Full PDB file with SEQRES, HELIX, SHEET, SSBOND, CRYST1, ORIGX, SCALE, CONECT and MASTER records, all heavy atoms in Angstrom:
SEQRES   1 A   32  LEU PRO ILE SER LEU PRO GLN ASN VAL GLU ALA SER ASN          
SEQRES   2 A   32  THR ASP TYR LEU PHE GLU PRO ASN ALA LYS GLU ILE LEU          
SEQRES   3 A   32  ASP VAL LEU MET PRO LYS                                      
HELIX    1 AA1 ALA A   22  LEU A   29  1                                   8    
CRYST1    1.000    1.000    1.000  90.00  90.00  90.00 P 1           1          
ORIGX1      1.000000  0.000000  0.000000        0.00000                         
ORIGX2      0.000000  1.000000  0.000000        0.00000                         
ORIGX3      0.000000  0.000000  1.000000        0.00000                         
SCALE1      1.000000  0.000000  0.000000        0.00000                         
SCALE2      0.000000  1.000000  0.000000        0.00000                         
SCALE3      0.000000  0.000000  1.000000        0.00000                         
ATOM      1  N   LEU A   1      31.224 -11.200  53.431  1.00  0.00           N  
ATOM      2  CA  LEU A   1      29.989 -10.394  53.440  1.00  0.00           C  
ATOM      3  C   LEU A   1      29.208 -10.629  52.195  1.00  0.00           C  
ATOM      4  O   LEU A   1      29.726 -10.720  51.077  1.00  0.00           O  
ATOM      5  CB  LEU A   1      30.352  -8.943  53.618  1.00  0.00           C  
ATOM      6  CG  LEU A   1      30.891  -8.441  54.966  1.00  0.00           C  
ATOM      7  CD1 LEU A   1      31.456  -7.104  54.872  1.00  0.00           C  
ATOM      8  CD2 LEU A   1      29.779  -8.480  56.029  1.00  0.00           C  
ATOM      9  N   PRO A   2      27.869 -10.711  52.318  1.00  0.00           N  
ATOM     10  CA  PRO A   2      27.111 -10.813  53.580  1.00  0.00           C  
ATOM     11  C   PRO A   2      27.423 -12.068  54.302  1.00  0.00           C  
ATOM     12  O   PRO A   2      27.828 -13.093  53.642  1.00  0.00           O  
ATOM     13  CB  PRO A   2      25.669 -10.727  53.081  1.00  0.00           C  
ATOM     14  CG  PRO A   2      25.680 -11.258  51.707  1.00  0.00           C  
ATOM     15  CD  PRO A   2      26.976 -10.791  51.121  1.00  0.00           C  
ATOM     16  N   ILE A   3      27.221 -12.097  55.621  1.00  0.00           N  
ATOM     17  CA  ILE A   3      27.443 -13.321  56.349  1.00  0.00           C  
ATOM     18  C   ILE A   3      26.514 -14.405  55.914  1.00  0.00           C  
ATOM     19  O   ILE A   3      25.290 -14.182  55.802  1.00  0.00           O  
ATOM     20  CB  ILE A   3      27.280 -13.053  57.873  1.00  0.00           C  
ATOM     21  CG1 ILE A   3      28.325 -12.097  58.402  1.00  0.00           C  
ATOM     22  CG2 ILE A   3      27.242 -14.353  58.671  1.00  0.00           C  
ATOM     23  CD1 ILE A   3      28.170 -11.713  59.870  1.00  0.00           C  
ATOM     24  N   SER A   4      27.106 -15.555  55.564  1.00  0.00           N  
ATOM     25  CA  SER A   4      26.253 -16.653  55.049  1.00  0.00           C  
ATOM     26  C   SER A   4      25.906 -17.637  56.165  1.00  0.00           C  
ATOM     27  O   SER A   4      26.777 -18.272  56.725  1.00  0.00           O  
ATOM     28  CB  SER A   4      27.040 -17.434  53.962  1.00  0.00           C  
ATOM     29  OG  SER A   4      26.315 -18.446  53.427  1.00  0.00           O  
ATOM     30  N   LEU A   5      24.614 -17.615  56.484  1.00  0.00           N  
ATOM     31  CA  LEU A   5      24.144 -18.562  57.544  1.00  0.00           C  
ATOM     32  C   LEU A   5      23.425 -19.753  56.892  1.00  0.00           C  
ATOM     33  O   LEU A   5      22.772 -19.566  55.926  1.00  0.00           O  
ATOM     34  CB  LEU A   5      23.180 -17.802  58.463  1.00  0.00           C  
ATOM     35  CG  LEU A   5      23.772 -16.657  59.280  1.00  0.00           C  
ATOM     36  CD1 LEU A   5      22.724 -15.902  60.004  1.00  0.00           C  
ATOM     37  CD2 LEU A   5      24.826 -17.176  60.281  1.00  0.00           C  
ATOM     38  N   PRO A   6      23.613 -20.914  57.430  1.00  0.00           N  
ATOM     39  CA  PRO A   6      22.888 -22.082  56.965  1.00  0.00           C  
ATOM     40  C   PRO A   6      21.383 -21.870  56.953  1.00  0.00           C  
ATOM     41  O   PRO A   6      20.799 -21.270  57.784  1.00  0.00           O  
ATOM     42  CB  PRO A   6      23.310 -23.162  57.972  1.00  0.00           C  
ATOM     43  CG  PRO A   6      24.535 -22.708  58.604  1.00  0.00           C  
ATOM     44  CD  PRO A   6      24.414 -21.217  58.678  1.00  0.00           C  
ATOM     45  N   GLN A   7      20.762 -22.395  55.875  1.00  0.00           N  
ATOM     46  CA  GLN A   7      19.301 -22.297  55.767  1.00  0.00           C  
ATOM     47  C   GLN A   7      18.641 -23.302  56.737  1.00  0.00           C  
ATOM     48  O   GLN A   7      19.183 -24.400  56.926  1.00  0.00           O  
ATOM     49  CB  GLN A   7      18.861 -22.539  54.317  1.00  0.00           C  
ATOM     50  CG  GLN A   7      19.411 -21.589  53.324  1.00  0.00           C  
ATOM     51  CD  GLN A   7      18.916 -20.187  53.590  1.00  0.00           C  
ATOM     52  OE1 GLN A   7      17.798 -19.933  53.847  1.00  0.00           O  
ATOM     53  NE2 GLN A   7      19.890 -19.216  53.528  1.00  0.00           N  
ATOM     54  N   ASN A   8      17.495 -22.937  57.245  1.00  0.00           N  
ATOM     55  CA  ASN A   8      16.670 -23.805  58.079  1.00  0.00           C  
ATOM     56  C   ASN A   8      17.535 -24.348  59.303  1.00  0.00           C  
ATOM     57  O   ASN A   8      17.542 -25.556  59.546  1.00  0.00           O  
ATOM     58  CB  ASN A   8      16.170 -25.011  57.280  1.00  0.00           C  
ATOM     59  CG  ASN A   8      15.336 -24.552  56.110  1.00  0.00           C  
ATOM     60  OD1 ASN A   8      14.511 -23.627  56.230  1.00  0.00           O  
ATOM     61  ND2 ASN A   8      15.466 -25.234  54.932  1.00  0.00           N  
ATOM     62  N   VAL A   9      18.237 -23.444  59.933  1.00  0.00           N  
ATOM     63  CA  VAL A   9      19.006 -23.858  61.123  1.00  0.00           C  
ATOM     64  C   VAL A   9      18.091 -24.135  62.245  1.00  0.00           C  
ATOM     65  O   VAL A   9      17.163 -23.324  62.563  1.00  0.00           O  
ATOM     66  CB  VAL A   9      19.949 -22.725  61.529  1.00  0.00           C  
ATOM     67  CG1 VAL A   9      20.752 -23.125  62.732  1.00  0.00           C  
ATOM     68  CG2 VAL A   9      20.895 -22.368  60.401  1.00  0.00           C  
ATOM     69  N   GLU A  10      18.266 -25.265  62.896  1.00  0.00           N  
ATOM     70  CA  GLU A  10      17.396 -25.661  64.038  1.00  0.00           C  
ATOM     71  C   GLU A  10      17.998 -25.025  65.275  1.00  0.00           C  
ATOM     72  O   GLU A  10      19.204 -24.968  65.452  1.00  0.00           O  
ATOM     73  CB  GLU A  10      17.343 -27.133  64.145  1.00  0.00           C  
ATOM     74  CG  GLU A  10      16.611 -27.853  63.032  1.00  0.00           C  
ATOM     75  CD  GLU A  10      16.550 -29.354  63.222  1.00  0.00           C  
ATOM     76  OE1 GLU A  10      16.988 -29.781  64.322  1.00  0.00           O  
ATOM     77  OE2 GLU A  10      16.018 -30.020  62.367  1.00  0.00           O  
ATOM     78  N   ALA A  11      17.149 -24.595  66.101  1.00  0.00           N  
ATOM     79  CA  ALA A  11      17.589 -23.968  67.367  1.00  0.00           C  
ATOM     80  C   ALA A  11      18.306 -24.981  68.211  1.00  0.00           C  
ATOM     81  O   ALA A  11      18.014 -26.158  68.267  1.00  0.00           O  
ATOM     82  CB  ALA A  11      16.356 -23.405  68.136  1.00  0.00           C  
ATOM     83  N   SER A  12      19.427 -24.502  68.844  1.00  0.00           N  
ATOM     84  CA  SER A  12      20.188 -25.338  69.681  1.00  0.00           C  
ATOM     85  C   SER A  12      19.413 -25.687  70.975  1.00  0.00           C  
ATOM     86  O   SER A  12      18.529 -24.972  71.390  1.00  0.00           O  
ATOM     87  CB  SER A  12      21.508 -24.630  70.068  1.00  0.00           C  
ATOM     88  OG  SER A  12      22.184 -25.336  71.056  1.00  0.00           O  
ATOM     89  N   ASN A  13      19.822 -26.830  71.561  1.00  0.00           N  
ATOM     90  CA  ASN A  13      19.189 -27.241  72.776  1.00  0.00           C  
ATOM     91  C   ASN A  13      19.642 -26.333  73.949  1.00  0.00           C  
ATOM     92  O   ASN A  13      19.048 -26.364  75.037  1.00  0.00           O  
ATOM     93  CB  ASN A  13      19.571 -28.696  73.162  1.00  0.00           C  
ATOM     94  CG  ASN A  13      18.963 -29.674  72.192  1.00  0.00           C  
ATOM     95  OD1 ASN A  13      17.805 -29.446  71.680  1.00  0.00           O  
ATOM     96  ND2 ASN A  13      19.665 -30.761  71.924  1.00  0.00           N  
ATOM     97  N   THR A  14      20.722 -25.565  73.680  1.00  0.00           N  
ATOM     98  CA  THR A  14      21.185 -24.607  74.717  1.00  0.00           C  
ATOM     99  C   THR A  14      20.107 -23.577  74.940  1.00  0.00           C  
ATOM    100  O   THR A  14      19.539 -22.988  74.025  1.00  0.00           O  
ATOM    101  CB  THR A  14      22.495 -23.917  74.239  1.00  0.00           C  
ATOM    102  OG1 THR A  14      23.428 -24.946  73.919  1.00  0.00           O  
ATOM    103  CG2 THR A  14      23.020 -23.016  75.375  1.00  0.00           C  
ATOM    104  N   ASP A  15      19.829 -23.253  76.227  1.00  0.00           N  
ATOM    105  CA  ASP A  15      18.828 -22.341  76.589  1.00  0.00           C  
ATOM    106  C   ASP A  15      19.470 -20.953  76.758  1.00  0.00           C  
ATOM    107  O   ASP A  15      20.153 -20.666  77.710  1.00  0.00           O  
ATOM    108  CB  ASP A  15      18.129 -22.792  77.878  1.00  0.00           C  
ATOM    109  CG  ASP A  15      16.976 -21.828  78.243  1.00  0.00           C  
ATOM    110  OD1 ASP A  15      16.524 -21.055  77.353  1.00  0.00           O  
ATOM    111  OD2 ASP A  15      16.542 -21.823  79.428  1.00  0.00           O  
ATOM    112  N   TYR A  16      19.371 -20.121  75.686  1.00  0.00           N  
ATOM    113  CA  TYR A  16      19.924 -18.753  75.705  1.00  0.00           C  
ATOM    114  C   TYR A  16      18.995 -17.703  76.369  1.00  0.00           C  
ATOM    115  O   TYR A  16      17.812 -17.731  76.112  1.00  0.00           O  
ATOM    116  CB  TYR A  16      20.219 -18.251  74.278  1.00  0.00           C  
ATOM    117  CG  TYR A  16      21.445 -18.983  73.660  1.00  0.00           C  
ATOM    118  CD1 TYR A  16      21.255 -20.004  72.742  1.00  0.00           C  
ATOM    119  CD2 TYR A  16      22.746 -18.535  73.965  1.00  0.00           C  
ATOM    120  CE1 TYR A  16      22.351 -20.599  72.147  1.00  0.00           C  
ATOM    121  CE2 TYR A  16      23.812 -19.148  73.381  1.00  0.00           C  
ATOM    122  CZ  TYR A  16      23.618 -20.159  72.476  1.00  0.00           C  
ATOM    123  OH  TYR A  16      24.713 -20.793  71.887  1.00  0.00           O  
ATOM    124  N   LEU A  17      19.572 -16.960  77.230  1.00  0.00           N  
ATOM    125  CA  LEU A  17      18.839 -15.789  77.796  1.00  0.00           C  
ATOM    126  C   LEU A  17      19.487 -14.555  77.156  1.00  0.00           C  
ATOM    127  O   LEU A  17      20.645 -14.291  77.330  1.00  0.00           O  
ATOM    128  CB  LEU A  17      19.034 -15.778  79.286  1.00  0.00           C  
ATOM    129  CG  LEU A  17      18.465 -16.960  80.111  1.00  0.00           C  
ATOM    130  CD1 LEU A  17      18.785 -16.859  81.547  1.00  0.00           C  
ATOM    131  CD2 LEU A  17      16.910 -17.017  79.860  1.00  0.00           C  
ATOM    132  N   PHE A  18      18.675 -13.822  76.418  1.00  0.00           N  
ATOM    133  CA  PHE A  18      19.157 -12.637  75.673  1.00  0.00           C  
ATOM    134  C   PHE A  18      19.070 -11.416  76.582  1.00  0.00           C  
ATOM    135  O   PHE A  18      17.998 -11.043  77.048  1.00  0.00           O  
ATOM    136  CB  PHE A  18      18.375 -12.429  74.379  1.00  0.00           C  
ATOM    137  CG  PHE A  18      18.452 -13.592  73.442  1.00  0.00           C  
ATOM    138  CD1 PHE A  18      17.311 -14.203  72.934  1.00  0.00           C  
ATOM    139  CD2 PHE A  18      19.700 -14.109  73.099  1.00  0.00           C  
ATOM    140  CE1 PHE A  18      17.381 -15.233  72.049  1.00  0.00           C  
ATOM    141  CE2 PHE A  18      19.765 -15.183  72.186  1.00  0.00           C  
ATOM    142  CZ  PHE A  18      18.590 -15.747  71.703  1.00  0.00           C  
ATOM    143  N   GLU A  19      20.223 -10.707  76.721  1.00  0.00           N  
ATOM    144  CA  GLU A  19      20.199  -9.462  77.473  1.00  0.00           C  
ATOM    145  C   GLU A  19      21.198  -8.521  76.838  1.00  0.00           C  
ATOM    146  O   GLU A  19      22.381  -8.819  76.761  1.00  0.00           O  
ATOM    147  CB  GLU A  19      20.619  -9.746  78.938  1.00  0.00           C  
ATOM    148  CG  GLU A  19      20.693  -8.517  79.819  1.00  0.00           C  
ATOM    149  CD  GLU A  19      19.355  -7.804  79.981  1.00  0.00           C  
ATOM    150  OE1 GLU A  19      18.349  -8.556  80.083  1.00  0.00           O  
ATOM    151  OE2 GLU A  19      19.336  -6.603  80.003  1.00  0.00           O  
ATOM    152  N   PRO A  20      20.751  -7.402  76.243  1.00  0.00           N  
ATOM    153  CA  PRO A  20      19.346  -6.897  76.308  1.00  0.00           C  
ATOM    154  C   PRO A  20      18.403  -7.615  75.341  1.00  0.00           C  
ATOM    155  O   PRO A  20      17.242  -7.820  75.718  1.00  0.00           O  
ATOM    156  CB  PRO A  20      19.499  -5.403  76.005  1.00  0.00           C  
ATOM    157  CG  PRO A  20      20.716  -5.354  75.169  1.00  0.00           C  
ATOM    158  CD  PRO A  20      21.642  -6.453  75.591  1.00  0.00           C  
ATOM    159  N   ASN A  21      18.858  -7.893  74.104  1.00  0.00           N  
ATOM    160  CA  ASN A  21      17.972  -8.610  73.143  1.00  0.00           C  
ATOM    161  C   ASN A  21      18.856  -9.232  72.084  1.00  0.00           C  
ATOM    162  O   ASN A  21      20.043  -8.893  71.928  1.00  0.00           O  
ATOM    163  CB  ASN A  21      16.874  -7.704  72.574  1.00  0.00           C  
ATOM    164  CG  ASN A  21      17.472  -6.463  71.902  1.00  0.00           C  
ATOM    165  OD1 ASN A  21      18.227  -6.604  70.920  1.00  0.00           O  
ATOM    166  ND2 ASN A  21      17.140  -5.309  72.404  1.00  0.00           N  
ATOM    167  N   ALA A  22      18.250 -10.110  71.270  1.00  0.00           N  
ATOM    168  CA  ALA A  22      18.972 -10.806  70.246  1.00  0.00           C  
ATOM    169  C   ALA A  22      19.595  -9.880  69.205  1.00  0.00           C  
ATOM    170  O   ALA A  22      20.734 -10.106  68.753  1.00  0.00           O  
ATOM    171  CB  ALA A  22      18.096 -11.843  69.559  1.00  0.00           C  
ATOM    172  N   LYS A  23      18.881  -8.837  68.816  1.00  0.00           N  
ATOM    173  CA  LYS A  23      19.383  -7.872  67.803  1.00  0.00           C  
ATOM    174  C   LYS A  23      20.620  -7.229  68.225  1.00  0.00           C  
ATOM    175  O   LYS A  23      21.643  -7.118  67.502  1.00  0.00           O  
ATOM    176  CB  LYS A  23      18.340  -6.840  67.461  1.00  0.00           C  
ATOM    177  CG  LYS A  23      18.748  -5.879  66.403  1.00  0.00           C  
ATOM    178  CD  LYS A  23      17.710  -4.816  66.100  1.00  0.00           C  
ATOM    179  CE  LYS A  23      18.192  -3.874  64.966  1.00  0.00           C  
ATOM    180  NZ  LYS A  23      19.471  -3.277  65.221  1.00  0.00           N  
ATOM    181  N   GLU A  24      20.681  -6.729  69.510  1.00  0.00           N  
ATOM    182  CA  GLU A  24      21.875  -6.026  69.954  1.00  0.00           C  
ATOM    183  C   GLU A  24      23.061  -6.982  70.134  1.00  0.00           C  
ATOM    184  O   GLU A  24      24.200  -6.592  69.932  1.00  0.00           O  
ATOM    185  CB  GLU A  24      21.518  -5.271  71.266  1.00  0.00           C  
ATOM    186  CG  GLU A  24      20.561  -4.143  71.069  1.00  0.00           C  
ATOM    187  CD  GLU A  24      20.433  -3.238  72.338  1.00  0.00           C  
ATOM    188  OE1 GLU A  24      21.490  -3.146  73.065  1.00  0.00           O  
ATOM    189  OE2 GLU A  24      19.360  -2.702  72.546  1.00  0.00           O  
ATOM    190  N   ILE A  25      22.735  -8.205  70.553  1.00  0.00           N  
ATOM    191  CA  ILE A  25      23.798  -9.174  70.635  1.00  0.00           C  
ATOM    192  C   ILE A  25      24.459  -9.494  69.263  1.00  0.00           C  
ATOM    193  O   ILE A  25      25.676  -9.558  69.123  1.00  0.00           O  
ATOM    194  CB  ILE A  25      23.252 -10.522  71.259  1.00  0.00           C  
ATOM    195  CG1 ILE A  25      22.876 -10.244  72.717  1.00  0.00           C  
ATOM    196  CG2 ILE A  25      24.264 -11.635  71.185  1.00  0.00           C  
ATOM    197  CD1 ILE A  25      22.159 -11.366  73.389  1.00  0.00           C  
ATOM    198  N   LEU A  26      23.561  -9.667  68.274  1.00  0.00           N  
ATOM    199  CA  LEU A  26      24.075  -9.870  66.887  1.00  0.00           C  
ATOM    200  C   LEU A  26      24.834  -8.697  66.390  1.00  0.00           C  
ATOM    201  O   LEU A  26      25.814  -8.831  65.600  1.00  0.00           O  
ATOM    202  CB  LEU A  26      22.952 -10.238  65.910  1.00  0.00           C  
ATOM    203  CG  LEU A  26      22.291 -11.640  66.179  1.00  0.00           C  
ATOM    204  CD1 LEU A  26      21.073 -11.844  65.285  1.00  0.00           C  
ATOM    205  CD2 LEU A  26      23.303 -12.728  65.960  1.00  0.00           C  
ATOM    206  N   ASP A  27      24.422  -7.496  66.718  1.00  0.00           N  
ATOM    207  CA  ASP A  27      25.124  -6.264  66.340  1.00  0.00           C  
ATOM    208  C   ASP A  27      26.563  -6.257  66.827  1.00  0.00           C  
ATOM    209  O   ASP A  27      27.424  -5.684  66.241  1.00  0.00           O  
ATOM    210  CB  ASP A  27      24.341  -5.010  66.833  1.00  0.00           C  
ATOM    211  CG  ASP A  27      23.130  -4.718  66.020  1.00  0.00           C  
ATOM    212  OD1 ASP A  27      22.988  -5.254  64.858  1.00  0.00           O  
ATOM    213  OD2 ASP A  27      22.264  -4.040  66.491  1.00  0.00           O  
ATOM    214  N   VAL A  28      26.814  -6.883  67.940  1.00  0.00           N  
ATOM    215  CA  VAL A  28      28.148  -7.003  68.518  1.00  0.00           C  
ATOM    216  C   VAL A  28      28.922  -8.203  67.983  1.00  0.00           C  
ATOM    217  O   VAL A  28      30.106  -8.070  67.601  1.00  0.00           O  
ATOM    218  CB  VAL A  28      28.064  -7.090  70.065  1.00  0.00           C  
ATOM    219  CG1 VAL A  28      29.505  -7.341  70.655  1.00  0.00           C  
ATOM    220  CG2 VAL A  28      27.525  -5.805  70.675  1.00  0.00           C  
ATOM    221  N   LEU A  29      28.248  -9.317  67.907  1.00  0.00           N  
ATOM    222  CA  LEU A  29      28.923 -10.565  67.488  1.00  0.00           C  
ATOM    223  C   LEU A  29      29.276 -10.610  66.006  1.00  0.00           C  
ATOM    224  O   LEU A  29      30.375 -11.107  65.639  1.00  0.00           O  
ATOM    225  CB  LEU A  29      28.004 -11.767  67.831  1.00  0.00           C  
ATOM    226  CG  LEU A  29      27.803 -12.067  69.260  1.00  0.00           C  
ATOM    227  CD1 LEU A  29      26.963 -13.341  69.443  1.00  0.00           C  
ATOM    228  CD2 LEU A  29      29.148 -12.305  70.010  1.00  0.00           C  
ATOM    229  N   MET A  30      28.403 -10.077  65.172  1.00  0.00           N  
ATOM    230  CA  MET A  30      28.704 -10.170  63.699  1.00  0.00           C  
ATOM    231  C   MET A  30      29.919  -9.405  63.232  1.00  0.00           C  
ATOM    232  O   MET A  30      30.770  -9.999  62.520  1.00  0.00           O  
ATOM    233  CB  MET A  30      27.450  -9.734  62.929  1.00  0.00           C  
ATOM    234  CG  MET A  30      26.307 -10.811  62.971  1.00  0.00           C  
ATOM    235  SD  MET A  30      24.877 -10.416  61.918  1.00  0.00           S  
ATOM    236  CE  MET A  30      23.918 -11.875  62.059  1.00  0.00           C  
ATOM    237  N   PRO A  31      30.084  -8.116  63.624  1.00  0.00           N  
ATOM    238  CA  PRO A  31      31.365  -7.483  63.273  1.00  0.00           C  
ATOM    239  C   PRO A  31      32.564  -8.217  63.828  1.00  0.00           C  
ATOM    240  O   PRO A  31      33.609  -8.288  63.117  1.00  0.00           O  
ATOM    241  CB  PRO A  31      31.181  -6.095  63.930  1.00  0.00           C  
ATOM    242  CG  PRO A  31      29.711  -5.850  64.008  1.00  0.00           C  
ATOM    243  CD  PRO A  31      29.170  -7.234  64.287  1.00  0.00           C  
ATOM    244  N   LYS A  32      32.448  -8.701  65.046  1.00  0.00           N  
ATOM    245  CA  LYS A  32      33.613  -9.457  65.615  1.00  0.00           C  
ATOM    246  C   LYS A  32      33.903 -10.712  64.815  1.00  0.00           C  
ATOM    247  O   LYS A  32      35.069 -11.083  64.626  1.00  0.00           O  
ATOM    248  CB  LYS A  32      33.280  -9.769  67.097  1.00  0.00           C  
ATOM    249  CG  LYS A  32      34.442 -10.366  67.835  1.00  0.00           C  
ATOM    250  CD  LYS A  32      34.179 -10.678  69.254  1.00  0.00           C  
ATOM    251  CE  LYS A  32      33.886  -9.407  70.047  1.00  0.00           C  
ATOM    252  NZ  LYS A  32      35.172  -8.666  70.224  1.00  0.00           N  
TER     253      LYS A  32                                                      
MASTER        0    0    0    1    0    0    0    6  252    1    0    3          
END                                                                             
């Protein structure tokens, strides 16, 4: 902590559909 993410990360070619939204998804994924 804090979670260290690479700078200037390019978006993946994978087409993500966020449901309900990216923030709530990160709220679940980051603690895990």
